[in-house]
Amino acid sequence: EKHLRISNHSSYAENKGGDIMPARPSPQPPLGDVLKDGVIDVRDLTFVKQYLEAPDMWRANLKSHGIKEAEFMERADVNRDGKVTTRDAELIARYLMFQIDTFPKEGTNPLIWVGLALAGLVLLRKSRR
């Protein structure tokens, strides 16, 4: 089992065996590359965790990095469910540890649900005849 250890003072991550986690290109650009430097690394993960745990600090750092909030949200929402959550941070961490090679799409278009609901009503109505 791999564990990710993050240093707040430098950019490195290591698994349980002490291996340093390298930067990786995004499998689906720009997803995961929140700092817009062309790769996903522990600094991106740290920035997402900062958004979740210390929003005031995150907001200040957002300006210093020259990143717009909407742009951050688009890049950090790696599972594309419409919000940035601990699940996105977990997926970035798993990507950095080579546990996954792509970000799974976990968001669902609400129009699909409406279509399925309408189809169900039509089938229900036909079966009652």
C-alpha atoms as a PDB file:
ATOM      1  CA  GLU A   1       0.000   0.000   0.000  1.00  0.00           C
ATOM      2  CA  LYS A   2       1.284   3.437  -0.896  1.00  0.00           C
ATOM      3  CA  HIS A   3       0.967   6.527   1.260  1.00  0.00           C
ATOM      4  CA  LEU A   4       1.607  10.064   0.186  1.00  0.00           C
ATOM      5  CA  ARG A   5       3.597  12.356   2.459  1.00  0.00           C
ATOM      6  CA  ILE A   6       3.641  16.013   1.555  1.00  0.00           C
ATOM      7  CA  SER A   7       6.050  18.603   2.870  1.00  0.00           C
ATOM      8  CA  ASN A   8       4.586  22.082   3.255  1.00  0.00           C
ATOM      9  CA  HIS A   9       8.055  23.567   2.947  1.00  0.00           C
ATOM     10  CA  SER A  10       9.227  22.031  -0.315  1.00  0.00           C
ATOM     11  CA  SER A  11       7.837  20.331  -3.386  1.00  0.00           C
ATOM     12  CA  TYR A  12       8.149  16.624  -2.922  1.00  0.00           C
ATOM     13  CA  ALA A  13       6.000  13.655  -2.268  1.00  0.00           C
ATOM     14  CA  GLU A  14       7.066  10.178  -1.421  1.00  0.00           C
ATOM     15  CA  ASN A  15       5.368   6.855  -1.069  1.00  0.00           C
ATOM     16  CA  LYS A  16       5.712   4.553   1.942  1.00  0.00           C
ATOM     17  CA  GLY A  17       9.034   3.246   0.604  1.00  0.00           C
ATOM     18  CA  GLY A  18      10.491   6.755   0.407  1.00  0.00           C
ATOM     19  CA  ASP A  19      10.356   7.039  -3.384  1.00  0.00           C
ATOM     20  CA  ILE A  20       9.992  10.609  -4.584  1.00  0.00           C
ATOM     21  CA  MET A  21       6.920  11.225  -6.714  1.00  0.00           C
ATOM     22  CA  PRO A  22       7.827  12.877 -10.018  1.00  0.00           C
ATOM     23  CA  ALA A  23       5.857  15.495 -11.884  1.00  0.00           C
ATOM     24  CA  ARG A  24       3.604  13.994 -14.533  1.00  0.00           C
ATOM     25  CA  PRO A  25       1.935  15.551 -17.554  1.00  0.00           C
ATOM     26  CA  SER A  26      -1.846  15.780 -17.305  1.00  0.00           C
ATOM     27  CA  PRO A  27      -3.610  12.818 -18.916  1.00  0.00           C
ATOM     28  CA  GLN A  28      -6.451  15.172 -19.900  1.00  0.00           C
ATOM     29  CA  PRO A  29      -5.068  18.725 -20.087  1.00  0.00           C
ATOM     30  CA  PRO A  30      -5.696  21.032 -18.350  1.00  0.00           C
ATOM     31  CA  LEU A  31      -7.155  18.772 -15.600  1.00  0.00           C
ATOM     32  CA  GLY A  32      -4.967  18.604 -12.497  1.00  0.00           C
ATOM     33  CA  ASP A  33      -2.464  21.211 -13.647  1.00  0.00           C
ATOM     34  CA  VAL A  34      -3.879  23.938 -11.395  1.00  0.00           C
ATOM     35  CA  LEU A  35      -0.682  26.000 -11.374  1.00  0.00           C
ATOM     36  CA  LYS A  36      -0.557  26.049 -15.191  1.00  0.00           C
ATOM     37  CA  ASP A  37       3.082  24.959 -15.453  1.00  0.00           C
ATOM     38  CA  GLY A  38       2.472  22.067 -17.841  1.00  0.00           C
ATOM     39  CA  VAL A  39       2.720  19.236 -15.300  1.00  0.00           C
ATOM     40  CA  ILE A  40       0.896  17.823 -12.313  1.00  0.00           C
ATOM     41  CA  ASP A  41       3.057  17.608  -9.229  1.00  0.00           C
ATOM     42  CA  VAL A  42       2.807  17.877  -5.465  1.00  0.00           C
ATOM     43  CA  ARG A  43       2.519  21.664  -5.722  1.00  0.00           C
ATOM     44  CA  ASP A  44      -0.771  21.262  -7.604  1.00  0.00           C
ATOM     45  CA  LEU A  45      -2.013  18.790  -5.008  1.00  0.00           C
ATOM     46  CA  THR A  46      -0.968  21.113  -2.178  1.00  0.00           C
ATOM     47  CA  PHE A  47      -2.811  24.006  -3.806  1.00  0.00           C
ATOM     48  CA  VAL A  48      -6.020  21.950  -4.080  1.00  0.00           C
ATOM     49  CA  LYS A  49      -5.679  20.858  -0.443  1.00  0.00           C
ATOM     50  CA  GLN A  50      -5.139  24.497   0.530  1.00  0.00           C
ATOM     51  CA  TYR A  51      -8.392  25.424  -1.238  1.00  0.00           C
ATOM     52  CA  LEU A  52     -10.194  22.790   0.839  1.00  0.00           C
ATOM     53  CA  GLU A  53      -8.506  23.434   4.205  1.00  0.00           C
ATOM     54  CA  ALA A  54      -7.366  27.080   4.229  1.00  0.00           C
ATOM     55  CA  PRO A  55      -9.483  29.104   1.783  1.00  0.00           C
ATOM     56  CA  ASP A  56      -8.150  32.506   2.887  1.00  0.00           C
ATOM     57  CA  MET A  57      -4.555  31.441   2.283  1.00  0.00           C
ATOM     58  CA  TRP A  58      -5.602  29.828  -0.993  1.00  0.00           C
ATOM     59  CA  ARG A  59      -7.284  33.052  -2.162  1.00  0.00           C
ATOM     60  CA  ALA A  60      -4.117  35.064  -1.447  1.00  0.00           C
ATOM     61  CA  ASN A  61      -1.952  32.509  -3.262  1.00  0.00           C
ATOM     62  CA  LEU A  62      -4.366  32.453  -6.191  1.00  0.00           C
ATOM     63  CA  LYS A  63      -3.621  36.116  -6.837  1.00  0.00           C
ATOM     64  CA  SER A  64       0.137  35.679  -6.414  1.00  0.00           C
ATOM     65  CA  HIS A  65       0.112  32.866  -9.010  1.00  0.00           C
ATOM     66  CA  GLY A  66      -1.962  34.968 -11.420  1.00  0.00           C
ATOM     67  CA  ILE A  67      -4.688  32.345 -11.665  1.00  0.00           C
ATOM     68  CA  LYS A  68      -8.377  33.209 -11.941  1.00  0.00           C
ATOM     69  CA  GLU A  69     -10.748  31.403  -9.583  1.00  0.00           C
ATOM     70  CA  ALA A  70     -12.868  29.969 -12.416  1.00  0.00           C
ATOM     71  CA  GLU A  71      -9.734  28.659 -14.114  1.00  0.00           C
ATOM     72  CA  PHE A  72      -8.585  26.995 -10.873  1.00  0.00           C
ATOM     73  CA  MET A  73     -11.993  25.379 -10.389  1.00  0.00           C
ATOM     74  CA  GLU A  74     -11.999  23.992 -13.935  1.00  0.00           C
ATOM     75  CA  ARG A  75      -8.489  22.541 -13.579  1.00  0.00           C
ATOM     76  CA  ALA A  76      -8.920  21.230 -10.008  1.00  0.00           C
ATOM     77  CA  ASP A  77     -12.259  19.484 -10.648  1.00  0.00           C
ATOM     78  CA  VAL A  78     -10.518  16.425 -12.110  1.00  0.00           C
ATOM     79  CA  ASN A  79     -13.554  14.146 -11.801  1.00  0.00           C
ATOM     80  CA  ARG A  80     -15.734  16.769 -13.502  1.00  0.00           C
ATOM     81  CA  ASP A  81     -18.619  16.658 -11.046  1.00  0.00           C
ATOM     82  CA  GLY A  82     -18.957  20.447 -10.917  1.00  0.00           C
ATOM     83  CA  LYS A  83     -17.187  21.064  -7.602  1.00  0.00           C
ATOM     84  CA  VAL A  84     -13.715  20.787  -6.081  1.00  0.00           C
ATOM     85  CA  THR A  85     -13.736  18.313  -3.187  1.00  0.00           C
ATOM     86  CA  THR A  86     -11.455  15.970  -1.285  1.00  0.00           C
ATOM     87  CA  ARG A  87     -12.261  13.400  -3.988  1.00  0.00           C
ATOM     88  CA  ASP A  88     -10.416  15.572  -6.531  1.00  0.00           C
ATOM     89  CA  ALA A  89      -7.412  15.858  -4.188  1.00  0.00           C
ATOM     90  CA  GLU A  90      -7.476  12.077  -3.695  1.00  0.00           C
ATOM     91  CA  LEU A  91      -7.504  11.471  -7.451  1.00  0.00           C
ATOM     92  CA  ILE A  92      -4.576  13.842  -8.002  1.00  0.00           C
ATOM     93  CA  ALA A  93      -2.630  12.080  -5.217  1.00  0.00           C
ATOM     94  CA  ARG A  94      -3.406   8.673  -6.730  1.00  0.00           C
ATOM     95  CA  TYR A  95      -2.282   9.942 -10.149  1.00  0.00           C
ATOM     96  CA  LEU A  96       1.002  11.163  -8.674  1.00  0.00           C
ATOM     97  CA  MET A  97       1.561   7.745  -7.087  1.00  0.00           C
ATOM     98  CA  PHE A  98       0.907   5.968 -10.426  1.00  0.00           C
ATOM     99  CA  GLN A  99      -2.179   4.245  -8.988  1.00  0.00           C
ATOM    100  CA  ILE A 100      -4.289   5.630 -11.845  1.00  0.00           C
ATOM    101  CA  ASP A 101      -3.329   6.774 -15.337  1.00  0.00           C
ATOM    102  CA  THR A 102      -6.351   8.942 -16.073  1.00  0.00           C
ATOM    103  CA  PHE A 103      -8.975  10.867 -14.150  1.00  0.00           C
ATOM    104  CA  PRO A 104     -12.344   9.065 -14.107  1.00  0.00           C
ATOM    105  CA  LYS A 105     -15.347  11.140 -15.090  1.00  0.00           C
ATOM    106  CA  GLU A 106     -17.660  10.919 -12.096  1.00  0.00           C
ATOM    107  CA  GLY A 107     -19.898  13.880 -12.852  1.00  0.00           C
ATOM    108  CA  THR A 108     -23.168  13.319 -14.631  1.00  0.00           C
ATOM    109  CA  ASN A 109     -24.972  15.644 -16.964  1.00  0.00           C
ATOM    110  CA  PRO A 110     -28.371  16.457 -15.371  1.00  0.00           C
ATOM    111  CA  LEU A 111     -30.031  16.272 -18.807  1.00  0.00           C
ATOM    112  CA  ILE A 112     -29.236  12.549 -18.899  1.00  0.00           C
ATOM    113  CA  TRP A 113     -31.208  12.071 -15.667  1.00  0.00           C
ATOM    114  CA  VAL A 114     -34.145  14.036 -17.070  1.00  0.00           C
ATOM    115  CA  GLY A 115     -34.075  11.897 -20.226  1.00  0.00           C
ATOM    116  CA  LEU A 116     -33.949   8.671 -18.211  1.00  0.00           C
ATOM    117  CA  ALA A 117     -36.810   9.837 -15.968  1.00  0.00           C
ATOM    118  CA  LEU A 118     -38.992  10.711 -18.967  1.00  0.00           C
ATOM    119  CA  ALA A 119     -38.182   7.384 -20.643  1.00  0.00           C
ATOM    120  CA  GLY A 120     -39.154   5.603 -17.417  1.00  0.00           C
ATOM    121  CA  LEU A 121     -42.477   7.425 -17.272  1.00  0.00           C
ATOM    122  CA  VAL A 122     -43.264   6.490 -20.873  1.00  0.00           C
ATOM    123  CA  LEU A 123     -42.459   2.825 -20.188  1.00  0.00           C
ATOM    124  CA  LEU A 124     -44.472   2.850 -16.966  1.00  0.00           C
ATOM    125  CA  ARG A 125     -47.466   4.366 -18.744  1.00  0.00           C
ATOM    126  CA  LYS A 126     -47.277   1.785 -21.568  1.00  0.00           C
ATOM    127  CA  SER A 127     -47.059  -1.110 -19.103  1.00  0.00           C
ATOM    128  CA  ARG A 128     -50.234   0.017 -17.286  1.00  0.00           C
ATOM    129  CA  ARG A 129     -52.352  -0.073 -20.453  1.00  0.00           C
END
